[in-house]
Protein backbone atom coordinates (compact mmCIF):
# COMPACT_ATOMS: atom_id res chain seq x y z
CA MET A 1 -129.97 166.92 -12.68
CA ARG A 2 -127.90 163.72 -12.06
CA ILE A 3 -129.25 162.04 -15.20
CA ALA A 4 -128.59 165.31 -17.28
CA ALA A 5 -124.98 165.66 -15.84
CA VAL A 6 -123.97 162.14 -16.62
CA ALA A 7 -125.43 162.27 -20.14
CA GLY A 8 -123.85 165.80 -20.84
CA ALA A 9 -120.68 164.96 -19.56
CA ALA A 10 -120.83 161.57 -21.53
CA LEU A 11 -121.71 163.49 -24.65
CA LEU A 12 -119.02 165.98 -24.42
CA VAL A 13 -116.14 163.22 -23.52
CA MET A 14 -117.55 161.15 -26.68
CA MET A 15 -117.24 164.83 -28.80
CA TRP A 16 -113.72 165.11 -27.52
CA SER A 17 -112.64 161.42 -28.30
CA ALA A 18 -114.20 161.92 -31.86
CA VAL A 19 -111.24 164.03 -33.04
CA LEU A 20 -108.44 162.09 -31.16
CA PRO A 21 -105.55 162.92 -31.55
CA PRO A 22 -106.24 166.48 -31.31
CA ALA A 23 -104.50 169.43 -33.00
CA ASN A 24 -104.10 171.27 -29.62
CA ASN A 25 -103.12 170.09 -26.13
CA PRO A 26 -105.02 166.89 -25.64
CA PHE A 27 -105.58 167.24 -21.74
CA MET A 28 -106.99 170.80 -21.64
CA ASP A 29 -109.77 170.84 -24.27
CA ASP A 30 -112.82 172.82 -23.90
CA HIS A 31 -115.00 169.69 -24.06
CA LEU A 32 -113.34 168.18 -21.00
CA ILE A 33 -113.64 171.34 -19.24
CA TYR A 34 -117.24 171.67 -19.82
CA ALA A 35 -117.57 168.08 -18.71
CA LEU A 36 -116.02 168.57 -15.46
CA LEU A 37 -118.11 171.88 -15.07
CA ILE A 38 -121.41 169.86 -15.66
CA VAL A 39 -120.34 167.22 -13.05
CA GLY A 40 -119.36 169.74 -10.58
CA LEU A 41 -122.37 171.63 -10.76
CA ALA A 42 -124.34 168.36 -10.08
CA LEU A 43 -122.37 167.45 -7.22
CA VAL A 44 -122.86 170.81 -5.49
CA GLY A 45 -126.65 170.88 -5.94
CA ALA A 46 -126.63 174.01 -8.27
CA GLY A 47 -130.18 172.91 -9.36
CA GLU A 48 -131.29 173.66 -5.66
CA THR A 49 -130.05 177.32 -5.65
CA LEU A 50 -130.05 178.41 -9.23
CA GLY A 51 -133.11 176.57 -10.70
CA LEU A 52 -136.01 174.78 -10.01
CA GLY A 53 -134.52 171.49 -8.27
CA ARG A 54 -136.16 172.12 -5.00
CA TRP A 55 -139.60 172.27 -6.53
CA TRP A 56 -138.82 169.21 -8.83
CA GLY A 57 -137.63 167.27 -5.73
CA GLY A 58 -140.85 167.94 -4.12
CA THR A 59 -143.30 166.57 -6.97
CA ARG A 60 -145.10 163.24 -6.31
CA LEU A 61 -143.20 161.78 -9.48
CA VAL A 62 -139.81 162.34 -8.17
CA GLN A 63 -140.82 161.21 -4.69
CA ARG A 64 -141.95 157.94 -6.38
CA LEU A 65 -138.89 157.57 -8.67
CA PRO A 66 -135.98 159.18 -6.77
CA ILE A 67 -133.43 158.58 -9.68
CA LEU A 68 -135.02 161.50 -11.39
CA LYS A 69 -133.85 163.90 -8.87
């Protein structure tokens, strides 16, 4: 979830920066809100409760390579 959250947030910020200067409010764009939401979900461990994060964390691959958690 961590790698996906960082990649997703980076992608959304790059999409936001591609249209600078924006026609609307530059600080409250939907891309920035979604990027913050993705990071927030990763920080609170939403994958453990709402997804397969607990199962994924117990696999041998993730135990050998904890960066995949």
